[in-house]
Amino acid sequence: MRYRTMLLTTAGVAFAAACHSPPPPETAPAPTPSPEVAMQNVFNQDSADAVARAVADSVERVRQAELARKAAADSAERVRMAEAKSTELRSELGVMVHFGVGQSRLQAEDMTALDRKVAILNANPAVRLRITGACDDRGSTRYNEALGERRAAAVSKYLVGKGIDVARLDRVSSGETAPIDAGDTEAAWSQNRRAEFLIVSSNTMLAMN
């Protein structure tokens, strides 16, 4: 009984103490910065923003410069490839065709080369060709001039038959006057029995669709 009385007394004292304990102190408001400090804070923030913008602008300039460099490199590569293709096509237009002794009839293997020329001419309508018929030096000058004309005419007729406008084709004969090989052998003569091709118009690069 005594022990219980002591507990009750102790609890009562603690309760009374709790009821009469002072309230916790209020938190003091943050001090208002002086105008000088406020201006310095604004200046510091503006400076940080300016630095961030400068960094962003610098990064963007580097990015734009890299894009411009890549575009220039791509453009240069396209030009290089176009020039290489044009050179290849001009070379194909210049491939000669050859004839048998005293003949102006086209051979089968030469028709393949002429078909390729047709494709190039169709893709490049500004191009005009000069077709020159030539001979070896056997036979008379007059005969070889006429044979050269027939050879040029045979080539022209084939191209026109494939749809090329005859106005784009000039025909001439060099007869025996412009040999590739001046030797007196069959190998030399076979080189001289030919039709040559020269582009006589269009200074632009050639292309294929």
C-alpha atoms as a PDB file:
ATOM      1  CA  MET A   1       0.000   0.000   0.000  1.00  0.00           C
ATOM      2  CA  ARG A   2       2.823   2.307   0.849  1.00  0.00           C
ATOM      3  CA  TYR A   3       4.604   1.474  -2.406  1.00  0.00           C
ATOM      4  CA  ARG A   4       1.459   2.215  -4.419  1.00  0.00           C
ATOM      5  CA  THR A   5       1.090   5.542  -2.670  1.00  0.00           C
ATOM      6  CA  MET A   6       4.674   6.441  -3.621  1.00  0.00           C
ATOM      7  CA  LEU A   7       4.079   5.619  -7.256  1.00  0.00           C
ATOM      8  CA  LEU A   8       0.983   7.735  -7.402  1.00  0.00           C
ATOM      9  CA  THR A   9       2.764  10.594  -5.752  1.00  0.00           C
ATOM     10  CA  THR A  10       5.682  10.387  -8.198  1.00  0.00           C
ATOM     11  CA  ALA A  11       3.369  10.261 -11.217  1.00  0.00           C
ATOM     12  CA  GLY A  12       1.451  13.231  -9.930  1.00  0.00           C
ATOM     13  CA  VAL A  13       4.605  15.249  -9.498  1.00  0.00           C
ATOM     14  CA  ALA A  14       5.757  14.366 -13.020  1.00  0.00           C
ATOM     15  CA  PHE A  15       2.362  15.291 -14.454  1.00  0.00           C
ATOM     16  CA  ALA A  16       2.342  18.618 -12.671  1.00  0.00           C
ATOM     17  CA  ALA A  17       5.840  19.356 -13.887  1.00  0.00           C
ATOM     18  CA  ALA A  18       4.828  18.565 -17.434  1.00  0.00           C
ATOM     19  CA  CYS A  19       1.805  20.779 -17.237  1.00  0.00           C
ATOM     20  CA  HIS A  20       3.807  23.700 -15.956  1.00  0.00           C
ATOM     21  CA  SER A  21       6.895  23.309 -18.285  1.00  0.00           C
ATOM     22  CA  PRO A  22       7.508  26.420 -20.421  1.00  0.00           C
ATOM     23  CA  PRO A  23       6.617  26.251 -24.162  1.00  0.00           C
ATOM     24  CA  PRO A  24       9.497  25.663 -26.575  1.00  0.00           C
ATOM     25  CA  PRO A  25      11.137  28.860 -27.805  1.00  0.00           C
ATOM     26  CA  GLU A  26       9.865  30.154 -31.140  1.00  0.00           C
ATOM     27  CA  THR A  27      12.255  29.969 -34.115  1.00  0.00           C
ATOM     28  CA  ALA A  28      13.567  33.366 -34.911  1.00  0.00           C
ATOM     29  CA  PRO A  29      12.799  34.558 -38.491  1.00  0.00           C
ATOM     30  CA  ALA A  30      15.709  34.563 -40.928  1.00  0.00           C
ATOM     31  CA  PRO A  31      17.338  37.930 -41.010  1.00  0.00           C
ATOM     32  CA  THR A  32      16.483  40.035 -44.032  1.00  0.00           C
ATOM     33  CA  PRO A  33      19.627  40.600 -46.091  1.00  0.00           C
ATOM     34  CA  SER A  34      20.766  44.126 -46.513  1.00  0.00           C
ATOM     35  CA  PRO A  35      20.236  45.782 -49.918  1.00  0.00           C
ATOM     36  CA  GLU A  36      23.952  45.434 -50.617  1.00  0.00           C
ATOM     37  CA  VAL A  37      23.868  41.698 -49.906  1.00  0.00           C
ATOM     38  CA  ALA A  38      20.666  41.257 -51.944  1.00  0.00           C
ATOM     39  CA  MET A  39      22.242  43.048 -54.895  1.00  0.00           C
ATOM     40  CA  GLN A  40      25.364  40.913 -54.581  1.00  0.00           C
ATOM     41  CA  ASN A  41      23.220  37.766 -54.581  1.00  0.00           C
ATOM     42  CA  VAL A  42      21.416  38.918 -57.727  1.00  0.00           C
ATOM     43  CA  PHE A  43      24.753  39.766 -59.346  1.00  0.00           C
ATOM     44  CA  ASN A  44      26.134  36.352 -58.449  1.00  0.00           C
ATOM     45  CA  GLN A  45      23.070  34.596 -59.916  1.00  0.00           C
ATOM     46  CA  ASP A  46      23.238  36.693 -63.079  1.00  0.00           C
ATOM     47  CA  SER A  47      26.915  35.860 -63.398  1.00  0.00           C
ATOM     48  CA  ALA A  48      26.217  32.159 -62.982  1.00  0.00           C
ATOM     49  CA  ASP A  49      23.456  32.350 -65.582  1.00  0.00           C
ATOM     50  CA  ALA A  50      25.764  34.241 -67.953  1.00  0.00           C
ATOM     51  CA  VAL A  51      28.483  31.614 -67.527  1.00  0.00           C
ATOM     52  CA  ALA A  52      25.956  28.837 -68.168  1.00  0.00           C
ATOM     53  CA  ARG A  53      24.711  30.604 -71.307  1.00  0.00           C
ATOM     54  CA  ALA A  54      28.272  31.168 -72.507  1.00  0.00           C
ATOM     55  CA  VAL A  55      29.088  27.493 -72.001  1.00  0.00           C
ATOM     56  CA  ALA A  56      25.887  26.457 -73.811  1.00  0.00           C
ATOM     57  CA  ASP A  57      26.655  28.891 -76.671  1.00  0.00           C
ATOM     58  CA  SER A  58      30.194  27.553 -76.937  1.00  0.00           C
ATOM     59  CA  VAL A  59      28.943  23.959 -77.072  1.00  0.00           C
ATOM     60  CA  GLU A  60      26.394  24.907 -79.741  1.00  0.00           C
ATOM     61  CA  ARG A  61      29.050  26.701 -81.829  1.00  0.00           C
ATOM     62  CA  VAL A  62      31.260  23.628 -81.672  1.00  0.00           C
ATOM     63  CA  ARG A  63      28.297  21.450 -82.682  1.00  0.00           C
ATOM     64  CA  GLN A  64      27.400  23.736 -85.589  1.00  0.00           C
ATOM     65  CA  ALA A  65      31.033  23.880 -86.713  1.00  0.00           C
ATOM     66  CA  GLU A  66      31.211  20.087 -86.681  1.00  0.00           C
ATOM     67  CA  LEU A  67      27.969  19.844 -88.667  1.00  0.00           C
ATOM     68  CA  ALA A  68      29.312  22.352 -91.202  1.00  0.00           C
ATOM     69  CA  ARG A  69      32.604  20.449 -91.452  1.00  0.00           C
ATOM     70  CA  LYS A  70      30.770  17.175 -92.000  1.00  0.00           C
ATOM     71  CA  ALA A  71      28.459  18.764 -94.598  1.00  0.00           C
ATOM     72  CA  ALA A  72      31.473  20.199 -96.446  1.00  0.00           C
ATOM     73  CA  ALA A  73      33.230  16.832 -96.348  1.00  0.00           C
ATOM     74  CA  ASP A  74      30.093  15.067 -97.600  1.00  0.00           C
ATOM     75  CA  SER A  75      29.695  17.630-100.386  1.00  0.00           C
ATOM     76  CA  ALA A  76      33.339  17.248-101.416  1.00  0.00           C
ATOM     77  CA  GLU A  77      32.962  13.477-101.460  1.00  0.00           C
ATOM     78  CA  ARG A  78      29.822  13.705-103.604  1.00  0.00           C
ATOM     79  CA  VAL A  79      31.652  15.977-106.052  1.00  0.00           C
ATOM     80  CA  ARG A  80      34.623  13.600-106.130  1.00  0.00           C
ATOM     81  CA  MET A  81      32.372  10.628-106.808  1.00  0.00           C
ATOM     82  CA  ALA A  82      30.435  12.545-109.487  1.00  0.00           C
ATOM     83  CA  GLU A  83      33.676  13.549-111.199  1.00  0.00           C
ATOM     84  CA  ALA A  84      34.964   9.980-111.072  1.00  0.00           C
ATOM     85  CA  LYS A  85      31.667   8.713-112.521  1.00  0.00           C
ATOM     86  CA  SER A  86      31.768  11.342-115.264  1.00  0.00           C
ATOM     87  CA  THR A  87      35.310  10.326-116.179  1.00  0.00           C
ATOM     88  CA  GLU A  88      34.226   6.686-116.305  1.00  0.00           C
ATOM     89  CA  LEU A  89      31.280   7.490-118.580  1.00  0.00           C
ATOM     90  CA  ARG A  90      33.396   9.628-120.901  1.00  0.00           C
ATOM     91  CA  SER A  91      35.833   6.760-121.131  1.00  0.00           C
ATOM     92  CA  GLU A  92      33.013   4.385-122.039  1.00  0.00           C
ATOM     93  CA  LEU A  93      31.757   6.745-124.734  1.00  0.00           C
ATOM     94  CA  GLY A  94      35.273   6.783-126.157  1.00  0.00           C
ATOM     95  CA  VAL A  95      35.590   2.991-126.481  1.00  0.00           C
ATOM     96  CA  MET A  96      36.303   2.198-130.130  1.00  0.00           C
ATOM     97  CA  VAL A  97      34.681  -0.492-132.261  1.00  0.00           C
ATOM     98  CA  HIS A  98      36.618  -2.493-134.855  1.00  0.00           C
ATOM     99  CA  PHE A  99      35.895  -4.008-138.248  1.00  0.00           C
ATOM    100  CA  GLY A 100      37.011  -6.869-140.399  1.00  0.00           C
ATOM    101  CA  VAL A 101      39.193  -6.404-143.454  1.00  0.00           C
ATOM    102  CA  GLY A 102      37.373  -4.282-146.029  1.00  0.00           C
ATOM    103  CA  GLN A 103      34.139  -4.436-143.986  1.00  0.00           C
ATOM    104  CA  SER A 104      31.795  -1.898-142.448  1.00  0.00           C
ATOM    105  CA  ARG A 105      29.540  -4.462-140.767  1.00  0.00           C
ATOM    106  CA  LEU A 106      29.405  -4.264-136.977  1.00  0.00           C
ATOM    107  CA  GLN A 107      30.606  -7.268-135.036  1.00  0.00           C
ATOM    108  CA  ALA A 108      28.530  -8.748-132.215  1.00  0.00           C
ATOM    109  CA  GLU A 109      30.973  -7.852-129.469  1.00  0.00           C
ATOM    110  CA  ASP A 110      30.983  -4.225-130.587  1.00  0.00           C
ATOM    111  CA  MET A 111      27.201  -3.967-130.390  1.00  0.00           C
ATOM    112  CA  THR A 112      27.469  -4.458-126.616  1.00  0.00           C
ATOM    113  CA  ALA A 113      29.771  -1.441-126.384  1.00  0.00           C
ATOM    114  CA  LEU A 114      27.395   0.578-128.556  1.00  0.00           C
ATOM    115  CA  ASP A 115      24.429  -0.382-126.377  1.00  0.00           C
ATOM    116  CA  ARG A 116      26.301   1.013-123.395  1.00  0.00           C
ATOM    117  CA  LYS A 117      26.862   4.253-125.294  1.00  0.00           C
ATOM    118  CA  VAL A 118      23.124   4.406-126.011  1.00  0.00           C
ATOM    119  CA  ALA A 119      22.376   4.246-122.281  1.00  0.00           C
ATOM    120  CA  ILE A 120      24.870   7.016-121.548  1.00  0.00           C
ATOM    121  CA  LEU A 121      23.560   9.217-124.362  1.00  0.00           C
ATOM    122  CA  ASN A 122      19.977   8.738-123.199  1.00  0.00           C
ATOM    123  CA  ALA A 123      20.958   9.822-119.683  1.00  0.00           C
ATOM    124  CA  ASN A 124      22.884  12.859-120.966  1.00  0.00           C
ATOM    125  CA  PRO A 125      20.814  14.458-123.757  1.00  0.00           C
ATOM    126  CA  ALA A 126      23.175  17.440-124.136  1.00  0.00           C
ATOM    127  CA  VAL A 127      25.990  15.201-125.362  1.00  0.00           C
ATOM    128  CA  ARG A 128      26.854  15.068-129.063  1.00  0.00           C
ATOM    129  CA  LEU A 129      29.320  12.621-130.573  1.00  0.00           C
ATOM    130  CA  ARG A 130      31.636  12.729-133.535  1.00  0.00           C
ATOM    131  CA  ILE A 131      32.076   9.281-135.083  1.00  0.00           C
ATOM    132  CA  THR A 132      35.227   8.887-137.132  1.00  0.00           C
ATOM    133  CA  GLY A 133      35.657   5.886-139.416  1.00  0.00           C
ATOM    134  CA  ALA A 134      39.256   4.794-140.025  1.00  0.00           C
ATOM    135  CA  CYS A 135      41.122   2.163-142.054  1.00  0.00           C
ATOM    136  CA  ASP A 136      44.496   0.508-142.312  1.00  0.00           C
ATOM    137  CA  ASP A 137      46.828   1.695-145.062  1.00  0.00           C
ATOM    138  CA  ARG A 138      46.148  -1.081-147.541  1.00  0.00           C
ATOM    139  CA  GLY A 139      44.092  -0.018-150.525  1.00  0.00           C
ATOM    140  CA  SER A 140      43.952   3.334-152.246  1.00  0.00           C
ATOM    141  CA  THR A 141      43.440   6.596-150.411  1.00  0.00           C
ATOM    142  CA  ARG A 142      40.079   7.125-152.095  1.00  0.00           C
ATOM    143  CA  TYR A 143      38.905   3.619-151.268  1.00  0.00           C
ATOM    144  CA  ASN A 144      39.922   4.003-147.618  1.00  0.00           C
ATOM    145  CA  GLU A 145      38.189   7.364-147.317  1.00  0.00           C
ATOM    146  CA  ALA A 146      34.958   5.829-148.593  1.00  0.00           C
ATOM    147  CA  LEU A 147      35.367   2.775-146.343  1.00  0.00           C
ATOM    148  CA  GLY A 148      35.895   5.046-143.340  1.00  0.00           C
ATOM    149  CA  GLU A 149      32.682   6.882-144.196  1.00  0.00           C
ATOM    150  CA  ARG A 150      30.771   3.605-144.404  1.00  0.00           C
ATOM    151  CA  ARG A 151      32.110   2.507-141.040  1.00  0.00           C
ATOM    152  CA  ALA A 152      31.077   5.774-139.390  1.00  0.00           C
ATOM    153  CA  ALA A 153      27.665   5.512-141.078  1.00  0.00           C
ATOM    154  CA  ALA A 154      27.193   1.943-139.840  1.00  0.00           C
ATOM    155  CA  VAL A 155      27.807   3.011-136.249  1.00  0.00           C
ATOM    156  CA  SER A 156      25.540   6.038-136.595  1.00  0.00           C
ATOM    157  CA  LYS A 157      22.771   3.916-138.085  1.00  0.00           C
ATOM    158  CA  TYR A 158      22.964   1.488-135.178  1.00  0.00           C
ATOM    159  CA  LEU A 159      22.746   4.261-132.569  1.00  0.00           C
ATOM    160  CA  VAL A 160      19.844   5.949-134.373  1.00  0.00           C
ATOM    161  CA  GLY A 161      18.083   2.577-134.548  1.00  0.00           C
ATOM    162  CA  LYS A 162      18.351   2.486-130.747  1.00  0.00           C
ATOM    163  CA  GLY A 163      16.608   5.841-130.431  1.00  0.00           C
ATOM    164  CA  ILE A 164      19.447   8.369-130.517  1.00  0.00           C
ATOM    165  CA  ASP A 165      18.616  11.535-132.488  1.00  0.00           C
ATOM    166  CA  VAL A 166      20.740  11.641-135.636  1.00  0.00           C
ATOM    167  CA  ALA A 167      21.322  15.363-135.025  1.00  0.00           C
ATOM    168  CA  ARG A 168      23.480  14.400-132.052  1.00  0.00           C
ATOM    169  CA  LEU A 169      25.868  12.384-134.240  1.00  0.00           C
ATOM    170  CA  ASP A 170      28.516  13.775-136.575  1.00  0.00           C
ATOM    171  CA  ARG A 171      30.117  11.375-139.075  1.00  0.00           C
ATOM    172  CA  VAL A 172      33.550  11.816-140.622  1.00  0.00           C
ATOM    173  CA  SER A 173      36.217   9.629-142.222  1.00  0.00           C
ATOM    174  CA  SER A 174      39.937   9.774-141.566  1.00  0.00           C
ATOM    175  CA  GLY A 175      40.614   7.015-144.078  1.00  0.00           C
ATOM    176  CA  GLU A 176      44.149   5.728-143.598  1.00  0.00           C
ATOM    177  CA  THR A 177      45.561   9.042-142.356  1.00  0.00           C
ATOM    178  CA  ALA A 178      45.365   8.478-138.567  1.00  0.00           C
ATOM    179  CA  PRO A 179      46.724   5.028-137.739  1.00  0.00           C
ATOM    180  CA  ILE A 180      46.938   3.928-134.119  1.00  0.00           C
ATOM    181  CA  ASP A 181      49.747   1.548-134.991  1.00  0.00           C
ATOM    182  CA  ALA A 182      51.937   2.305-138.022  1.00  0.00           C
ATOM    183  CA  GLY A 183      53.286  -1.244-138.208  1.00  0.00           C
ATOM    184  CA  ASP A 184      52.864  -3.527-141.210  1.00  0.00           C
ATOM    185  CA  THR A 185      51.417  -6.477-139.301  1.00  0.00           C
ATOM    186  CA  GLU A 186      47.932  -7.885-138.915  1.00  0.00           C
ATOM    187  CA  ALA A 187      47.955  -6.827-135.257  1.00  0.00           C
ATOM    188  CA  ALA A 188      48.638  -3.222-136.308  1.00  0.00           C
ATOM    189  CA  TRP A 189      46.122  -3.254-139.152  1.00  0.00           C
ATOM    190  CA  SER A 190      43.383  -4.668-136.904  1.00  0.00           C
ATOM    191  CA  GLN A 191      43.831  -1.728-134.533  1.00  0.00           C
ATOM    192  CA  ASN A 192      43.491   0.735-137.395  1.00  0.00           C
ATOM    193  CA  ARG A 193      40.236  -0.712-138.788  1.00  0.00           C
ATOM    194  CA  ARG A 194      37.992   1.113-136.379  1.00  0.00           C
ATOM    195  CA  ALA A 195      35.435   3.772-135.519  1.00  0.00           C
ATOM    196  CA  GLU A 196      36.403   6.363-132.906  1.00  0.00           C
ATOM    197  CA  PHE A 197      34.130   8.496-130.722  1.00  0.00           C
ATOM    198  CA  LEU A 198      34.698  12.050-129.522  1.00  0.00           C
ATOM    199  CA  ILE A 199      32.399  14.156-127.356  1.00  0.00           C
ATOM    200  CA  VAL A 200      31.963  17.445-129.231  1.00  0.00           C
ATOM    201  CA  SER A 201      29.516  19.161-126.870  1.00  0.00           C
ATOM    202  CA  SER A 202      28.533  19.330-123.212  1.00  0.00           C
ATOM    203  CA  ASN A 203      31.126  20.564-120.752  1.00  0.00           C
ATOM    204  CA  THR A 204      29.068  19.331-117.832  1.00  0.00           C
ATOM    205  CA  MET A 205      29.777  16.186-115.889  1.00  0.00           C
ATOM    206  CA  LEU A 206      28.120  13.086-117.228  1.00  0.00           C
ATOM    207  CA  ALA A 207      25.846  11.041-114.991  1.00  0.00           C
ATOM    208  CA  MET A 208      23.607   8.012-115.070  1.00  0.00           C
ATOM    209  CA  ASN A 209      20.102   7.898-113.641  1.00  0.00           C
END
